[in-house]
Amino acid sequence: MFIRRTTTNSKKTKKVYYTYRLVEGVRVGSAVKQTTLLNLGSHFDIAQADWALLATRIEALLHGQADLQLQPVAQDVEAMAQRCAAQLIARTPAPDAALSSSADHQGIDRFQEVDIDSIEMVRPRSVGVEHAALSAIRASGLEDKLTALGMNRPQIAAAVGNIVGRMAHPGSELSTHAWLGVSSFSVQ
């Protein structure tokens, strides 16, 4: 998997611009064919020096591999890798999708037995703890009290985020900051 920059000429304006694509090389017989997995657009802003790292990180996320990088991955690279991996996972059809659609037409029973002990969650998200914590904060009127103390809206959001982070994922200040960075928590 790698990132390719493609030159495109606009027929109307005669301008040259570049588009970026996530490409995978697949061996078919004795030839290697390159397939575009994802169009990254013309406003792709990751530095060219980080392209290989980005492609490696996307591949690791797709295959569920733990991050064994010795060098830390920049936040913009990690965010782009997460976004691309999520798009690729969403595009991938379920393994039994073709079978289930043909089974529907043939009237075959659609029920399957599932071994509960073998279920594996991919990128799980939680909302229960965060919702309960935010409800408790709002019920206690903490946000109004912080406003009365002179805090502005971003400061209140940061304080509430830290409180919810400590309740949902107890740890150090650094781990709370990391948890807030990857969770989809927002105060409205």
N, C-alpha and C. Protein backbone atom coordinates (compact mmCIF):
# COMPACT_ATOMS: atom_id res chain seq x y z
N MET A 1 0.85 -1.16 0.00
CA MET A 1 0.00 0.00 0.00
C MET A 1 0.90 1.23 0.00
N PHE A 2 0.56 2.21 -0.84
CA PHE A 2 1.35 3.43 -0.92
C PHE A 2 0.47 4.57 -1.42
N ILE A 3 1.01 5.78 -1.35
CA ILE A 3 0.28 6.96 -1.79
C ILE A 3 0.90 7.46 -3.09
N ARG A 4 0.04 7.73 -4.05
CA ARG A 4 0.50 8.18 -5.37
C ARG A 4 -0.03 9.59 -5.63
N ARG A 5 0.83 10.44 -6.16
CA ARG A 5 0.42 11.78 -6.59
C ARG A 5 0.21 11.73 -8.09
N THR A 6 -0.97 12.15 -8.54
CA THR A 6 -1.31 12.11 -9.95
C THR A 6 -1.50 13.54 -10.46
N THR A 7 -0.90 13.84 -11.60
CA THR A 7 -1.03 15.15 -12.22
C THR A 7 -2.28 15.16 -13.10
N THR A 8 -3.09 16.21 -12.93
CA THR A 8 -4.31 16.34 -13.71
C THR A 8 -4.34 17.72 -14.35
N ASN A 9 -4.73 17.77 -15.62
CA ASN A 9 -4.85 19.04 -16.34
C ASN A 9 -6.33 19.37 -16.47
N SER A 10 -6.70 20.58 -16.05
CA SER A 10 -8.08 21.03 -16.19
C SER A 10 -8.30 21.50 -17.62
N LYS A 11 -9.31 20.96 -18.30
CA LYS A 11 -9.58 21.34 -19.68
C LYS A 11 -10.15 22.75 -19.79
N LYS A 12 -10.92 23.16 -18.77
CA LYS A 12 -11.55 24.49 -18.82
C LYS A 12 -10.54 25.59 -18.52
N THR A 13 -9.84 25.47 -17.41
CA THR A 13 -8.94 26.55 -16.98
C THR A 13 -7.49 26.35 -17.42
N LYS A 14 -7.17 25.20 -17.97
CA LYS A 14 -5.81 24.87 -18.42
C LYS A 14 -4.80 24.86 -17.29
N LYS A 15 -5.29 24.72 -16.05
CA LYS A 15 -4.39 24.67 -14.91
C LYS A 15 -4.02 23.22 -14.60
N VAL A 16 -2.84 23.06 -14.03
CA VAL A 16 -2.36 21.74 -13.61
C VAL A 16 -2.55 21.65 -12.10
N TYR A 17 -3.15 20.55 -11.66
CA TYR A 17 -3.27 20.32 -10.22
C TYR A 17 -3.00 18.85 -9.94
N TYR A 18 -2.84 18.54 -8.67
CA TYR A 18 -2.46 17.20 -8.27
C TYR A 18 -3.57 16.58 -7.41
N THR A 19 -3.80 15.30 -7.61
CA THR A 19 -4.69 14.54 -6.74
C THR A 19 -3.87 13.41 -6.12
N TYR A 20 -4.31 12.96 -4.98
CA TYR A 20 -3.58 11.95 -4.23
C TYR A 20 -4.47 10.75 -4.03
N ARG A 21 -3.87 9.56 -4.14
CA ARG A 21 -4.63 8.32 -4.02
C ARG A 21 -3.88 7.31 -3.17
N LEU A 22 -4.64 6.53 -2.44
CA LEU A 22 -4.08 5.40 -1.70
C LEU A 22 -4.19 4.20 -2.64
N VAL A 23 -3.05 3.61 -2.97
CA VAL A 23 -2.98 2.58 -4.00
C VAL A 23 -2.40 1.31 -3.40
N GLU A 24 -2.89 0.17 -3.90
CA GLU A 24 -2.38 -1.12 -3.46
C GLU A 24 -1.93 -1.91 -4.69
N GLY A 25 -0.77 -2.53 -4.61
CA GLY A 25 -0.29 -3.39 -5.68
C GLY A 25 -0.70 -4.83 -5.39
N VAL A 26 -1.33 -5.47 -6.39
CA VAL A 26 -1.80 -6.85 -6.23
C VAL A 26 -1.21 -7.68 -7.36
N ARG A 27 -0.63 -8.82 -7.00
CA ARG A 27 -0.05 -9.71 -8.00
C ARG A 27 -1.17 -10.57 -8.60
N VAL A 28 -1.31 -10.51 -9.92
CA VAL A 28 -2.27 -11.33 -10.65
C VAL A 28 -1.46 -12.13 -11.66
N GLY A 29 -1.27 -13.40 -11.36
CA GLY A 29 -0.41 -14.23 -12.21
C GLY A 29 1.01 -13.76 -12.10
N SER A 30 1.60 -13.39 -13.22
CA SER A 30 2.98 -12.91 -13.20
C SER A 30 3.05 -11.39 -13.26
N ALA A 31 1.90 -10.73 -13.33
CA ALA A 31 1.88 -9.27 -13.42
C ALA A 31 1.41 -8.65 -12.10
N VAL A 32 1.85 -7.42 -11.85
CA VAL A 32 1.40 -6.68 -10.68
C VAL A 32 0.46 -5.59 -11.15
N LYS A 33 -0.74 -5.60 -10.63
CA LYS A 33 -1.75 -4.59 -10.98
C LYS A 33 -1.93 -3.66 -9.80
N GLN A 34 -2.05 -2.39 -10.08
CA GLN A 34 -2.24 -1.40 -9.01
C GLN A 34 -3.70 -0.98 -8.99
N THR A 35 -4.28 -1.03 -7.80
CA THR A 35 -5.68 -0.71 -7.60
C THR A 35 -5.79 0.49 -6.68
N THR A 36 -6.61 1.47 -7.05
CA THR A 36 -6.85 2.62 -6.19
C THR A 36 -7.85 2.21 -5.12
N LEU A 37 -7.42 2.28 -3.86
CA LEU A 37 -8.30 1.93 -2.75
C LEU A 37 -9.13 3.12 -2.32
N LEU A 38 -8.51 4.31 -2.34
CA LEU A 38 -9.19 5.48 -1.82
C LEU A 38 -8.63 6.73 -2.50
N ASN A 39 -9.52 7.60 -2.95
CA ASN A 39 -9.09 8.87 -3.51
C ASN A 39 -8.96 9.86 -2.35
N LEU A 40 -7.78 10.37 -2.12
CA LEU A 40 -7.52 11.27 -1.01
C LEU A 40 -7.77 12.74 -1.36
N GLY A 41 -8.06 13.02 -2.62
CA GLY A 41 -8.41 14.37 -3.04
C GLY A 41 -7.22 15.22 -3.41
N SER A 42 -7.50 16.48 -3.73
CA SER A 42 -6.43 17.39 -4.15
C SER A 42 -5.91 18.22 -2.98
N HIS A 43 -6.60 18.21 -1.86
CA HIS A 43 -6.18 18.99 -0.70
C HIS A 43 -5.54 18.10 0.37
N PHE A 44 -4.79 17.14 -0.05
CA PHE A 44 -4.10 16.21 0.84
C PHE A 44 -2.89 16.94 1.40
N ASP A 45 -2.84 17.12 2.73
CA ASP A 45 -1.81 17.99 3.31
C ASP A 45 -0.78 17.28 4.17
N ILE A 46 -0.64 15.97 4.03
CA ILE A 46 0.39 15.25 4.76
C ILE A 46 1.71 15.38 4.00
N ALA A 47 2.78 15.66 4.71
CA ALA A 47 4.09 15.83 4.08
C ALA A 47 4.52 14.54 3.39
N GLN A 48 5.19 14.67 2.27
CA GLN A 48 5.60 13.51 1.49
C GLN A 48 6.51 12.58 2.28
N ALA A 49 7.26 13.12 3.21
CA ALA A 49 8.14 12.28 4.04
C ALA A 49 7.34 11.33 4.93
N ASP A 50 6.07 11.66 5.23
CA ASP A 50 5.23 10.84 6.09
C ASP A 50 4.30 9.89 5.32
N TRP A 51 4.36 9.88 4.00
CA TRP A 51 3.45 9.05 3.22
C TRP A 51 3.63 7.56 3.52
N ALA A 52 4.86 7.10 3.59
CA ALA A 52 5.11 5.67 3.85
C ALA A 52 4.61 5.30 5.24
N LEU A 53 4.84 6.16 6.21
CA LEU A 53 4.36 5.92 7.57
C LEU A 53 2.83 5.88 7.60
N LEU A 54 2.19 6.79 6.87
CA LEU A 54 0.73 6.82 6.80
C LEU A 54 0.18 5.54 6.18
N ALA A 55 0.76 5.10 5.08
CA ALA A 55 0.30 3.88 4.43
C ALA A 55 0.50 2.66 5.34
N THR A 56 1.62 2.62 6.04
CA THR A 56 1.89 1.52 6.97
C THR A 56 0.88 1.53 8.11
N ARG A 57 0.56 2.71 8.62
CA ARG A 57 -0.39 2.83 9.73
C ARG A 57 -1.79 2.44 9.30
N ILE A 58 -2.21 2.82 8.09
CA ILE A 58 -3.53 2.43 7.56
C ILE A 58 -3.61 0.92 7.45
N GLU A 59 -2.55 0.32 6.90
CA GLU A 59 -2.53 -1.14 6.75
C GLU A 59 -2.60 -1.84 8.09
N ALA A 60 -1.90 -1.30 9.09
CA ALA A 60 -1.94 -1.89 10.44
C ALA A 60 -3.34 -1.79 11.03
N LEU A 61 -4.01 -0.66 10.83
CA LEU A 61 -5.37 -0.51 11.34
C LEU A 61 -6.35 -1.45 10.64
N LEU A 62 -6.17 -1.64 9.35
CA LEU A 62 -7.07 -2.53 8.60
C LEU A 62 -6.93 -3.98 9.02
N HIS A 63 -5.71 -4.37 9.38
CA HIS A 63 -5.46 -5.76 9.75
C HIS A 63 -5.49 -5.99 11.25
N GLY A 64 -5.82 -4.94 12.02
CA GLY A 64 -5.94 -5.08 13.46
C GLY A 64 -4.62 -5.32 14.17
N GLN A 65 -3.54 -4.83 13.60
CA GLN A 65 -2.23 -5.02 14.20
C GLN A 65 -1.97 -3.95 15.24
N ALA A 66 -1.31 -4.33 16.31
CA ALA A 66 -0.94 -3.37 17.35
C ALA A 66 0.14 -2.45 16.80
N ASP A 67 0.16 -1.23 17.30
CA ASP A 67 1.14 -0.24 16.86
C ASP A 67 2.48 -0.54 17.52
N LEU A 68 3.45 -0.96 16.72
CA LEU A 68 4.78 -1.28 17.24
C LEU A 68 5.82 -0.26 16.78
N GLN A 69 5.36 0.92 16.38
CA GLN A 69 6.27 1.95 15.90
C GLN A 69 7.18 2.41 17.04
N LEU A 70 8.46 2.47 16.77
CA LEU A 70 9.39 3.00 17.75
C LEU A 70 9.34 4.52 17.79
N GLN A 71 9.05 5.12 16.64
CA GLN A 71 8.92 6.56 16.59
C GLN A 71 7.44 6.93 16.73
N PRO A 72 7.14 7.99 17.47
CA PRO A 72 5.74 8.37 17.62
C PRO A 72 5.16 8.86 16.30
N VAL A 73 3.89 8.59 16.07
CA VAL A 73 3.21 9.01 14.86
C VAL A 73 2.60 10.39 15.14
N ALA A 74 2.82 11.32 14.22
CA ALA A 74 2.27 12.66 14.38
C ALA A 74 0.75 12.60 14.42
N GLN A 75 0.14 13.56 15.12
CA GLN A 75 -1.31 13.55 15.29
C GLN A 75 -2.04 13.66 13.96
N ASP A 76 -1.54 14.49 13.04
CA ASP A 76 -2.22 14.64 11.76
C ASP A 76 -2.14 13.36 10.94
N VAL A 77 -1.01 12.65 11.02
CA VAL A 77 -0.85 11.38 10.32
C VAL A 77 -1.77 10.33 10.93
N GLU A 78 -1.83 10.26 12.26
CA GLU A 78 -2.69 9.29 12.93
C GLU A 78 -4.16 9.57 12.63
N ALA A 79 -4.55 10.83 12.65
CA ALA A 79 -5.94 11.19 12.36
C ALA A 79 -6.31 10.79 10.93
N MET A 80 -5.42 11.06 9.98
CA MET A 80 -5.67 10.70 8.58
C MET A 80 -5.72 9.18 8.43
N ALA A 81 -4.84 8.45 9.12
CA ALA A 81 -4.84 6.99 9.06
C ALA A 81 -6.15 6.43 9.61
N GLN A 82 -6.61 6.96 10.72
CA GLN A 82 -7.88 6.51 11.31
C GLN A 82 -9.04 6.78 10.35
N ARG A 83 -9.05 7.97 9.75
CA ARG A 83 -10.12 8.33 8.82
C ARG A 83 -10.12 7.43 7.58
N CYS A 84 -8.96 7.21 7.01
CA CYS A 84 -8.86 6.37 5.81
C CYS A 84 -9.23 4.92 6.12
N ALA A 85 -8.75 4.41 7.25
CA ALA A 85 -9.07 3.03 7.63
C ALA A 85 -10.57 2.88 7.84
N ALA A 86 -11.19 3.86 8.48
CA ALA A 86 -12.64 3.79 8.71
C ALA A 86 -13.40 3.80 7.38
N GLN A 87 -12.95 4.61 6.43
CA GLN A 87 -13.60 4.65 5.11
C GLN A 87 -13.44 3.32 4.38
N LEU A 88 -12.25 2.74 4.46
CA LEU A 88 -12.01 1.46 3.78
C LEU A 88 -12.81 0.34 4.44
N ILE A 89 -12.91 0.35 5.76
CA ILE A 89 -13.69 -0.67 6.46
C ILE A 89 -15.16 -0.53 6.10
N ALA A 90 -15.65 0.71 6.02
CA ALA A 90 -17.05 0.94 5.67
C ALA A 90 -17.35 0.48 4.24
N ARG A 91 -16.39 0.59 3.35
CA ARG A 91 -16.60 0.18 1.95
C ARG A 91 -16.53 -1.33 1.75
N THR A 92 -15.86 -2.02 2.66
CA THR A 92 -15.68 -3.45 2.51
C THR A 92 -16.99 -4.17 2.81
N PRO A 93 -17.51 -4.95 1.87
CA PRO A 93 -18.76 -5.66 2.15
C PRO A 93 -18.53 -6.76 3.18
N ALA A 94 -19.59 -7.06 3.90
CA ALA A 94 -19.51 -8.13 4.89
C ALA A 94 -19.22 -9.43 4.16
N PRO A 95 -18.48 -10.37 4.77
CA PRO A 95 -18.11 -11.60 4.07
C PRO A 95 -19.31 -12.43 3.62
N ASP A 96 -20.40 -12.38 4.38
CA ASP A 96 -21.56 -13.19 4.03
C ASP A 96 -22.62 -12.39 3.28
N ALA A 97 -22.30 -11.15 2.83
CA ALA A 97 -23.30 -10.31 2.17
C ALA A 97 -23.78 -10.95 0.87
N ALA A 98 -22.86 -11.49 0.08
CA ALA A 98 -23.26 -12.11 -1.18
C ALA A 98 -24.07 -13.37 -0.92
N LEU A 99 -23.68 -14.13 0.09
CA LEU A 99 -24.41 -15.35 0.40
C LEU A 99 -25.81 -15.05 0.91
N SER A 100 -25.95 -14.02 1.77
CA SER A 100 -27.25 -13.73 2.34
C SER A 100 -28.21 -13.18 1.29
N SER A 101 -27.70 -12.39 0.32
CA SER A 101 -28.59 -11.87 -0.71
C SER A 101 -29.08 -12.99 -1.62
N SER A 102 -28.22 -13.96 -1.94
CA SER A 102 -28.67 -15.08 -2.76
C SER A 102 -29.56 -16.01 -1.96
N ALA A 103 -29.31 -16.11 -0.64
CA ALA A 103 -30.15 -16.96 0.20
C ALA A 103 -31.55 -16.39 0.32
N ASP A 104 -31.69 -15.05 0.33
CA ASP A 104 -33.01 -14.44 0.41
C ASP A 104 -33.85 -14.80 -0.80
N HIS A 105 -33.22 -14.82 -1.97
CA HIS A 105 -33.97 -15.11 -3.19
C HIS A 105 -34.34 -16.58 -3.28
N GLN A 106 -33.57 -17.45 -2.66
CA GLN A 106 -33.85 -18.88 -2.74
C GLN A 106 -34.70 -19.36 -1.57
N GLY A 107 -35.01 -18.48 -0.61
CA GLY A 107 -35.85 -18.86 0.51
C GLY A 107 -35.13 -19.70 1.55
N ILE A 108 -33.80 -19.67 1.56
CA ILE A 108 -33.03 -20.44 2.53
C ILE A 108 -33.07 -19.72 3.86
N ASP A 109 -33.09 -20.48 4.95
CA ASP A 109 -33.13 -19.92 6.29
C ASP A 109 -31.94 -18.99 6.51
N ARG A 110 -32.18 -17.77 7.02
CA ARG A 110 -31.15 -16.76 7.19
C ARG A 110 -30.52 -16.77 8.56
N PHE A 111 -30.95 -17.61 9.46
CA PHE A 111 -30.43 -17.60 10.82
C PHE A 111 -29.13 -18.39 10.90
N GLN A 112 -28.20 -17.86 11.68
CA GLN A 112 -26.91 -18.49 11.87
C GLN A 112 -26.64 -18.61 13.36
N GLU A 113 -25.95 -19.65 13.75
CA GLU A 113 -25.53 -19.76 15.14
C GLU A 113 -24.25 -18.96 15.33
N VAL A 114 -24.14 -18.29 16.48
CA VAL A 114 -22.98 -17.47 16.78
C VAL A 114 -22.40 -17.91 18.12
N ASP A 115 -21.10 -18.13 18.13
CA ASP A 115 -20.41 -18.45 19.37
C ASP A 115 -20.07 -17.13 20.05
N ILE A 116 -20.77 -16.82 21.13
CA ILE A 116 -20.62 -15.54 21.80
C ILE A 116 -19.20 -15.33 22.31
N ASP A 117 -18.51 -16.40 22.68
CA ASP A 117 -17.16 -16.28 23.20
C ASP A 117 -16.15 -15.90 22.12
N SER A 118 -16.53 -16.01 20.84
CA SER A 118 -15.58 -15.72 19.77
C SER A 118 -15.84 -14.37 19.11
N ILE A 119 -16.78 -13.60 19.62
CA ILE A 119 -17.08 -12.29 19.03
C ILE A 119 -15.94 -11.33 19.35
N GLU A 120 -15.51 -10.61 18.33
CA GLU A 120 -14.43 -9.65 18.49
C GLU A 120 -14.94 -8.28 18.05
N MET A 121 -14.77 -7.29 18.91
CA MET A 121 -15.21 -5.94 18.59
C MET A 121 -14.08 -5.20 17.87
N VAL A 122 -14.42 -4.47 16.83
CA VAL A 122 -13.46 -3.67 16.10
C VAL A 122 -13.77 -2.21 16.35
N ARG A 123 -12.82 -1.49 16.90
CA ARG A 123 -12.96 -0.08 17.23
C ARG A 123 -14.21 0.20 18.04
N PRO A 124 -14.34 -0.40 19.22
CA PRO A 124 -15.55 -0.19 20.03
C PRO A 124 -15.63 1.24 20.55
N ARG A 125 -16.83 1.70 20.73
CA ARG A 125 -17.08 3.04 21.26
C ARG A 125 -17.98 2.90 22.48
N SER A 126 -17.80 3.77 23.44
CA SER A 126 -18.68 3.77 24.60
C SER A 126 -19.41 5.10 24.65
N VAL A 127 -20.63 5.07 25.14
CA VAL A 127 -21.38 6.31 25.31
C VAL A 127 -22.06 6.35 26.67
N GLY A 128 -22.24 5.21 27.31
CA GLY A 128 -22.99 5.15 28.56
C GLY A 128 -22.35 5.92 29.68
N VAL A 129 -21.06 5.69 29.93
CA VAL A 129 -20.37 6.35 31.03
C VAL A 129 -20.29 7.85 30.78
N GLU A 130 -19.97 8.23 29.56
CA GLU A 130 -19.85 9.64 29.22
C GLU A 130 -21.19 10.35 29.38
N HIS A 131 -22.26 9.70 28.93
CA HIS A 131 -23.58 10.30 29.03
C HIS A 131 -24.00 10.46 30.49
N ALA A 132 -23.76 9.44 31.29
CA ALA A 132 -24.11 9.50 32.71
C ALA A 132 -23.32 10.61 33.41
N ALA A 133 -22.04 10.73 33.11
CA ALA A 133 -21.21 11.76 33.73
C ALA A 133 -21.68 13.15 33.32
N LEU A 134 -21.95 13.35 32.04
CA LEU A 134 -22.41 14.65 31.57
C LEU A 134 -23.77 14.99 32.16
N SER A 135 -24.66 14.01 32.29
CA SER A 135 -25.98 14.24 32.90
C SER A 135 -25.82 14.65 34.36
N ALA A 136 -24.92 14.00 35.08
CA ALA A 136 -24.69 14.35 36.48
C ALA A 136 -24.12 15.76 36.61
N ILE A 137 -23.21 16.12 35.71
CA ILE A 137 -22.63 17.47 35.74
C ILE A 137 -23.71 18.52 35.47
N ARG A 138 -24.55 18.25 34.49
CA ARG A 138 -25.61 19.21 34.16
C ARG A 138 -26.66 19.28 35.27
N ALA A 139 -26.98 18.14 35.88
CA ALA A 139 -27.97 18.12 36.97
C ALA A 139 -27.46 18.90 38.18
N SER A 140 -26.16 18.87 38.41
CA SER A 140 -25.60 19.59 39.56
C SER A 140 -25.43 21.08 39.29
N GLY A 141 -25.58 21.50 38.03
CA GLY A 141 -25.44 22.92 37.68
C GLY A 141 -24.00 23.39 37.67
N LEU A 142 -23.05 22.47 37.47
CA LEU A 142 -21.63 22.82 37.50
C LEU A 142 -21.26 23.84 36.42
N GLU A 143 -21.83 23.68 35.23
CA GLU A 143 -21.49 24.61 34.15
C GLU A 143 -21.90 26.05 34.49
N ASP A 144 -23.06 26.22 35.13
CA ASP A 144 -23.50 27.56 35.54
C ASP A 144 -22.58 28.13 36.61
N LYS A 145 -22.14 27.27 37.53
CA LYS A 145 -21.24 27.71 38.60
C LYS A 145 -19.89 28.14 38.02
N LEU A 146 -19.41 27.41 37.02
CA LEU A 146 -18.14 27.78 36.38
C LEU A 146 -18.28 29.10 35.62
N THR A 147 -19.43 29.32 35.00
CA THR A 147 -19.70 30.59 34.32
C THR A 147 -19.71 31.74 35.32
N ALA A 148 -20.33 31.50 36.48
CA ALA A 148 -20.38 32.54 37.52
C ALA A 148 -18.98 32.86 38.05
N LEU A 149 -18.07 31.90 38.00
CA LEU A 149 -16.70 32.14 38.45
C LEU A 149 -15.87 32.88 37.40
N GLY A 150 -16.45 33.12 36.21
CA GLY A 150 -15.76 33.91 35.18
C GLY A 150 -15.10 33.08 34.09
N MET A 151 -15.38 31.82 34.03
CA MET A 151 -14.78 30.99 32.97
C MET A 151 -15.56 31.20 31.67
N ASN A 152 -14.82 31.22 30.54
CA ASN A 152 -15.49 31.34 29.25
C ASN A 152 -15.87 29.96 28.72
N ARG A 153 -16.56 29.91 27.59
CA ARG A 153 -17.10 28.65 27.06
C ARG A 153 -16.02 27.59 26.78
N PRO A 154 -14.89 27.93 26.12
CA PRO A 154 -13.86 26.92 25.90
C PRO A 154 -13.25 26.39 27.20
N GLN A 155 -13.09 27.25 28.19
CA GLN A 155 -12.55 26.80 29.48
C GLN A 155 -13.52 25.85 30.17
N ILE A 156 -14.82 26.16 30.10
CA ILE A 156 -15.83 25.28 30.70
C ILE A 156 -15.84 23.93 29.99
N ALA A 157 -15.75 23.96 28.65
CA ALA A 157 -15.74 22.70 27.88
C ALA A 157 -14.52 21.87 28.25
N ALA A 158 -13.36 22.52 28.43
CA ALA A 158 -12.15 21.79 28.82
C ALA A 158 -12.29 21.20 30.22
N ALA A 159 -12.88 21.96 31.14
CA ALA A 159 -13.06 21.46 32.51
C ALA A 159 -14.02 20.28 32.54
N VAL A 160 -15.14 20.43 31.85
CA VAL A 160 -16.13 19.34 31.80
C VAL A 160 -15.53 18.12 31.11
N GLY A 161 -14.77 18.34 30.04
CA GLY A 161 -14.12 17.21 29.35
C GLY A 161 -13.16 16.48 30.26
N ASN A 162 -12.38 17.22 31.05
CA ASN A 162 -11.45 16.58 31.98
C ASN A 162 -12.18 15.81 33.07
N ILE A 163 -13.27 16.37 33.57
CA ILE A 163 -14.03 15.67 34.61
C ILE A 163 -14.63 14.39 34.06
N VAL A 164 -15.26 14.48 32.89
CA VAL A 164 -15.85 13.29 32.27
C VAL A 164 -14.76 12.28 31.93
N GLY A 165 -13.62 12.76 31.44
CA GLY A 165 -12.51 11.86 31.11
C GLY A 165 -12.00 11.12 32.33
N ARG A 166 -11.89 11.81 33.45
CA ARG A 166 -11.42 11.16 34.67
C ARG A 166 -12.45 10.15 35.19
N MET A 167 -13.75 10.45 34.98
CA MET A 167 -14.79 9.52 35.43
C MET A 167 -14.86 8.29 34.52
N ALA A 168 -14.75 8.50 33.22
CA ALA A 168 -14.90 7.41 32.26
C ALA A 168 -13.64 6.58 32.09
N HIS A 169 -12.49 7.23 32.16
CA HIS A 169 -11.21 6.54 31.92
C HIS A 169 -10.19 7.07 32.92
N PRO A 170 -10.25 6.60 34.18
CA PRO A 170 -9.34 7.12 35.20
C PRO A 170 -7.88 6.91 34.82
N GLY A 171 -7.08 7.93 35.05
CA GLY A 171 -5.67 7.83 34.73
C GLY A 171 -5.00 9.17 34.99
N SER A 172 -3.82 9.30 34.45
CA SER A 172 -3.06 10.54 34.62
C SER A 172 -3.63 11.64 33.75
N GLU A 173 -3.10 12.85 33.92
CA GLU A 173 -3.53 13.97 33.09
C GLU A 173 -3.21 13.69 31.62
N LEU A 174 -2.06 13.10 31.37
CA LEU A 174 -1.65 12.79 30.01
C LEU A 174 -2.57 11.76 29.37
N SER A 175 -2.91 10.70 30.13
CA SER A 175 -3.81 9.68 29.56
C SER A 175 -5.21 10.24 29.36
N THR A 176 -5.66 11.14 30.23
CA THR A 176 -6.96 11.78 30.05
C THR A 176 -6.95 12.63 28.79
N HIS A 177 -5.87 13.36 28.57
CA HIS A 177 -5.74 14.18 27.36
C HIS A 177 -5.77 13.29 26.12
N ALA A 178 -5.05 12.17 26.16
CA ALA A 178 -5.05 11.24 25.02
C ALA A 178 -6.43 10.65 24.80
N TRP A 179 -7.12 10.30 25.88
CA TRP A 179 -8.47 9.75 25.77
C TRP A 179 -9.43 10.77 25.15
N LEU A 180 -9.32 12.03 25.57
CA LEU A 180 -10.17 13.07 25.01
C LEU A 180 -9.87 13.28 23.53
N GLY A 181 -8.63 13.06 23.12
CA GLY A 181 -8.27 13.25 21.72
C GLY A 181 -8.84 12.19 20.81
N VAL A 182 -9.04 10.98 21.29
CA VAL A 182 -9.55 9.91 20.43
C VAL A 182 -11.03 9.65 20.63
N SER A 183 -11.62 10.15 21.70
CA SER A 183 -13.05 9.92 21.89
C SER A 183 -13.83 10.96 21.10
N SER A 184 -15.08 10.71 20.92
CA SER A 184 -15.93 11.63 20.16
C SER A 184 -16.80 12.44 21.10
N PHE A 185 -16.30 12.74 22.30
CA PHE A 185 -17.04 13.47 23.32
C PHE A 185 -17.12 14.95 22.94
N SER A 186 -18.28 15.54 23.05
CA SER A 186 -18.40 16.98 22.83
C SER A 186 -19.48 17.53 23.73
N VAL A 187 -19.26 18.72 24.23
CA VAL A 187 -20.22 19.37 25.11
C VAL A 187 -21.02 20.34 24.27
N GLN A 188 -22.34 20.25 24.37
CA GLN A 188 -23.19 21.17 23.60
C GLN A 188 -24.20 21.81 24.51
